[in-house]
C-alpha cells in the first residue's frame, strides 16, 4: 500500500543502508576492479587503443594479491631508493677497482720496458 504525497526516504536512512565509511571499508577490504578499453578507429583502421585497468584495494589486500610495486619503485619508497643507491655504489666501487688494477698493470709493464732498455 502506498500513501499519496509521501516521498521515499533518502538513501541510507531506511535502517539497512550503509554510510560512506561502511562502503569504503567494504571496497578496501574486498577490493574492486574497474576495466575498460578505449578504441579510436577511422574508416575501420584502428588508430589508438587504450586499455584501462584500475584496482582499488587496501595496501594489505593488494599485498595479498601480489601487488607491491610501490615498495620497489625508487620514486615512491625510501627503502627502494636506498637499495638502488647501495647497488649503484657497489657497482661503481667494482668498476673503480678494475680500473685501478688495469692502471697498476700498465705501470708495471711500463717499468719492465724501461728496465729492458
C-alpha atoms as a PDB file:
ATOM      1  CA  UNK A   1       0.000   0.000   0.000  1.00  0.00           C
ATOM      2  CA  UNK A   2       1.379   3.391  -0.972  1.00  0.00           C
ATOM      3  CA  UNK A   3       0.462   6.705   0.536  1.00  0.00           C
ATOM      4  CA  UNK A   4      -0.205   9.589  -1.768  1.00  0.00           C
ATOM      5  CA  UNK A   5       2.042  12.585  -1.263  1.00  0.00           C
ATOM      6  CA  UNK A   6       4.682  10.688   0.706  1.00  0.00           C
ATOM      7  CA  UNK A   7       8.271  10.857  -0.607  1.00  0.00           C
ATOM      8  CA  UNK A   8      10.660   7.942  -0.263  1.00  0.00           C
ATOM      9  CA  UNK A   9      13.278   8.122   2.446  1.00  0.00           C
ATOM     10  CA  UNK A  10      16.740   9.329   1.374  1.00  0.00           C
ATOM     11  CA  UNK A  11      19.338   6.647   0.700  1.00  0.00           C
ATOM     12  CA  UNK A  12      20.816   5.169   3.854  1.00  0.00           C
ATOM     13  CA  UNK A  13      18.032   6.161   6.229  1.00  0.00           C
ATOM     14  CA  UNK A  14      15.930   3.060   5.942  1.00  0.00           C
ATOM     15  CA  UNK A  15      17.871   1.307   8.727  1.00  0.00           C
ATOM     16  CA  UNK A  16      19.558  -1.223   6.453  1.00  0.00           C
ATOM     17  CA  UNK A  17      21.617   1.214   4.398  1.00  0.00           C
ATOM     18  CA  UNK A  18      25.306   1.866   4.648  1.00  0.00           C
ATOM     19  CA  UNK A  19      27.065   5.117   5.100  1.00  0.00           C
ATOM     20  CA  UNK A  20      30.076   6.139   3.026  1.00  0.00           C
ATOM     21  CA  UNK A  21      32.577   4.871   5.602  1.00  0.00           C
ATOM     22  CA  UNK A  22      30.999   1.393   5.567  1.00  0.00           C
ATOM     23  CA  UNK A  23      31.038   1.269   1.773  1.00  0.00           C
ATOM     24  CA  UNK A  24      34.649   2.444   1.629  1.00  0.00           C
ATOM     25  CA  UNK A  25      35.694  -0.108   4.249  1.00  0.00           C
ATOM     26  CA  UNK A  26      33.988  -2.874   2.298  1.00  0.00           C
ATOM     27  CA  UNK A  27      35.604  -1.830  -1.007  1.00  0.00           C
ATOM     28  CA  UNK A  28      39.078  -1.573   0.523  1.00  0.00           C
ATOM     29  CA  UNK A  29      38.662  -4.885   2.329  1.00  0.00           C
ATOM     30  CA  UNK A  30      37.462  -6.859  -0.677  1.00  0.00           C
ATOM     31  CA  UNK A  31      38.923  -4.773  -3.489  1.00  0.00           C
ATOM     32  CA  UNK A  32      37.283  -3.688  -6.703  1.00  0.00           C
ATOM     33  CA  UNK A  33      38.480  -3.903 -10.297  1.00  0.00           C
ATOM     34  CA  UNK A  34      37.397  -1.461 -12.974  1.00  0.00           C
ATOM     35  CA  UNK A  35      38.413  -2.337 -16.524  1.00  0.00           C
ATOM     36  CA  UNK A  36      37.712  -0.753 -19.856  1.00  0.00           C
ATOM     37  CA  UNK A  37      39.100  -0.197 -23.330  1.00  0.00           C
ATOM     38  CA  UNK A  38      39.027   2.921 -25.462  1.00  0.00           C
ATOM     39  CA  UNK A  39      39.480   2.454 -29.191  1.00  0.00           C
ATOM     40  CA  UNK A  40      39.687   5.130 -31.824  1.00  0.00           C
ATOM     41  CA  UNK A  41      39.050   3.962 -35.382  1.00  0.00           C
ATOM     42  CA  UNK A  42      38.964   5.855 -38.628  1.00  0.00           C
ATOM     43  CA  UNK A  43      37.416   4.058 -41.614  1.00  0.00           C
ATOM     44  CA  UNK A  44      37.845   0.677 -39.893  1.00  0.00           C
ATOM     45  CA  UNK A  45      41.533   1.409 -39.245  1.00  0.00           C
ATOM     46  CA  UNK A  46      42.483   1.258 -35.600  1.00  0.00           C
ATOM     47  CA  UNK A  47      44.426   4.399 -34.729  1.00  0.00           C
ATOM     48  CA  UNK A  48      44.632   4.152 -30.963  1.00  0.00           C
ATOM     49  CA  UNK A  49      43.761   1.660 -28.255  1.00  0.00           C
ATOM     50  CA  UNK A  50      43.943   2.496 -24.572  1.00  0.00           C
ATOM     51  CA  UNK A  51      43.427  -0.292 -22.063  1.00  0.00           C
ATOM     52  CA  UNK A  52      42.458   0.867 -18.601  1.00  0.00           C
ATOM     53  CA  UNK A  53      42.740  -1.336 -15.536  1.00  0.00           C
ATOM     54  CA  UNK A  54      42.072   0.125 -12.112  1.00  0.00           C
ATOM     55  CA  UNK A  55      42.279  -1.774  -8.855  1.00  0.00           C
ATOM     56  CA  UNK A  56      41.034  -0.144  -5.680  1.00  0.00           C
ATOM     57  CA  UNK A  57      42.053  -2.025  -2.550  1.00  0.00           C
ATOM     58  CA  UNK A  58      43.812  -1.540   0.767  1.00  0.00           C
ATOM     59  CA  UNK A  59      47.582  -1.962   0.909  1.00  0.00           C
ATOM     60  CA  UNK A  60      47.215  -5.204   2.866  1.00  0.00           C
ATOM     61  CA  UNK A  61      44.737  -6.611   0.355  1.00  0.00           C
ATOM     62  CA  UNK A  62      46.957  -5.566  -2.565  1.00  0.00           C
ATOM     63  CA  UNK A  63      49.927  -7.358  -0.973  1.00  0.00           C
ATOM     64  CA  UNK A  64      47.781 -10.487  -0.559  1.00  0.00           C
ATOM     65  CA  UNK A  65      47.106 -10.315  -4.315  1.00  0.00           C
ATOM     66  CA  UNK A  66      50.849  -9.998  -5.008  1.00  0.00           C
ATOM     67  CA  UNK A  67      50.769  -6.328  -5.922  1.00  0.00           C
ATOM     68  CA  UNK A  68      53.613  -4.433  -4.251  1.00  0.00           C
ATOM     69  CA  UNK A  69      55.248  -2.364  -6.999  1.00  0.00           C
ATOM     70  CA  UNK A  70      55.341   0.759  -4.820  1.00  0.00           C
ATOM     71  CA  UNK A  71      57.832  -0.953  -2.491  1.00  0.00           C
ATOM     72  CA  UNK A  72      60.351  -1.364  -5.322  1.00  0.00           C
ATOM     73  CA  UNK A  73      59.900   1.989  -7.055  1.00  0.00           C
ATOM     74  CA  UNK A  74      62.693   4.405  -6.010  1.00  0.00           C
ATOM     75  CA  UNK A  75      60.413   7.374  -6.638  1.00  0.00           C
ATOM     76  CA  UNK A  76      57.852   6.105  -4.119  1.00  0.00           C
ATOM     77  CA  UNK A  77      59.879   4.237  -1.498  1.00  0.00           C
ATOM     78  CA  UNK A  78      62.849   5.489   0.517  1.00  0.00           C
ATOM     79  CA  UNK A  79      63.930   1.888   1.106  1.00  0.00           C
ATOM     80  CA  UNK A  80      63.915   1.194  -2.644  1.00  0.00           C
ATOM     81  CA  UNK A  81      65.867   4.414  -3.261  1.00  0.00           C
ATOM     82  CA  UNK A  82      68.404   3.444  -0.580  1.00  0.00           C
ATOM     83  CA  UNK A  83      68.737  -0.043  -2.086  1.00  0.00           C
ATOM     84  CA  UNK A  84      69.238   1.456  -5.544  1.00  0.00           C
ATOM     85  CA  UNK A  85      71.940   3.811  -4.251  1.00  0.00           C
ATOM     86  CA  UNK A  86      73.679   0.949  -2.422  1.00  0.00           C
ATOM     87  CA  UNK A  87      73.640  -1.166  -5.583  1.00  0.00           C
ATOM     88  CA  UNK A  88      74.987   1.735  -7.700  1.00  0.00           C
ATOM     89  CA  UNK A  89      77.685   2.429  -5.109  1.00  0.00           C
ATOM     90  CA  UNK A  90      78.766  -1.232  -5.153  1.00  0.00           C
ATOM     91  CA  UNK A  91      78.911  -1.282  -8.967  1.00  0.00           C
ATOM     92  CA  UNK A  92      80.966   1.920  -9.048  1.00  0.00           C
ATOM     93  CA  UNK A  93      83.417   0.532  -6.473  1.00  0.00           C
ATOM     94  CA  UNK A  94      83.855  -2.610  -8.597  1.00  0.00           C
ATOM     95  CA  UNK A  95      84.482  -0.532 -11.714  1.00  0.00           C
ATOM     96  CA  UNK A  96      86.964   1.661  -9.854  1.00  0.00           C
ATOM     97  CA  UNK A  97      88.849  -1.392  -8.546  1.00  0.00           C
ATOM     98  CA  UNK A  98      89.010  -2.828 -12.071  1.00  0.00           C
ATOM     99  CA  UNK A  99      90.355   0.457 -13.466  1.00  0.00           C
ATOM    100  CA  UNK A 100      92.930   0.715 -10.685  1.00  0.00           C
ATOM    101  CA  UNK A 101      94.068  -2.868 -11.343  1.00  0.00           C
ATOM    102  CA  UNK A 102      94.325  -2.115 -15.062  1.00  0.00           C
ATOM    103  CA  UNK A 103      96.336   1.028 -14.385  1.00  0.00           C
ATOM    104  CA  UNK A 104      98.630  -0.826 -11.969  1.00  0.00           C
ATOM    105  CA  UNK A 105      99.239  -3.476 -14.652  1.00  0.00           C
ATOM    106  CA  UNK A 106     100.131  -0.793 -17.181  1.00  0.00           C
ATOM    107  CA  UNK A 107     102.503   0.839 -14.731  1.00  0.00           C
ATOM    108  CA  UNK A 108     104.330  -2.421 -14.050  1.00  0.00           C
ATOM    109  CA  UNK A 109     104.620  -3.168 -17.761  1.00  0.00           C
ATOM    110  CA  UNK A 110     105.983   0.309 -18.408  1.00  0.00           C
ATOM    111  CA  UNK A 111     108.609  -0.158 -15.647  1.00  0.00           C
ATOM    112  CA  UNK A 112     109.730  -3.504 -17.140  1.00  0.00           C
ATOM    113  CA  UNK A 113     110.072  -1.910 -20.583  1.00  0.00           C
ATOM    114  CA  UNK A 114     112.238   0.823 -19.068  1.00  0.00           C
ATOM    115  CA  UNK A 115     114.447  -1.764 -17.373  1.00  0.00           C
ATOM    116  CA  UNK A 116     114.855  -3.752 -20.587  1.00  0.00           C
ATOM    117  CA  UNK A 117     116.207  -0.742 -22.433  1.00  0.00           C
END
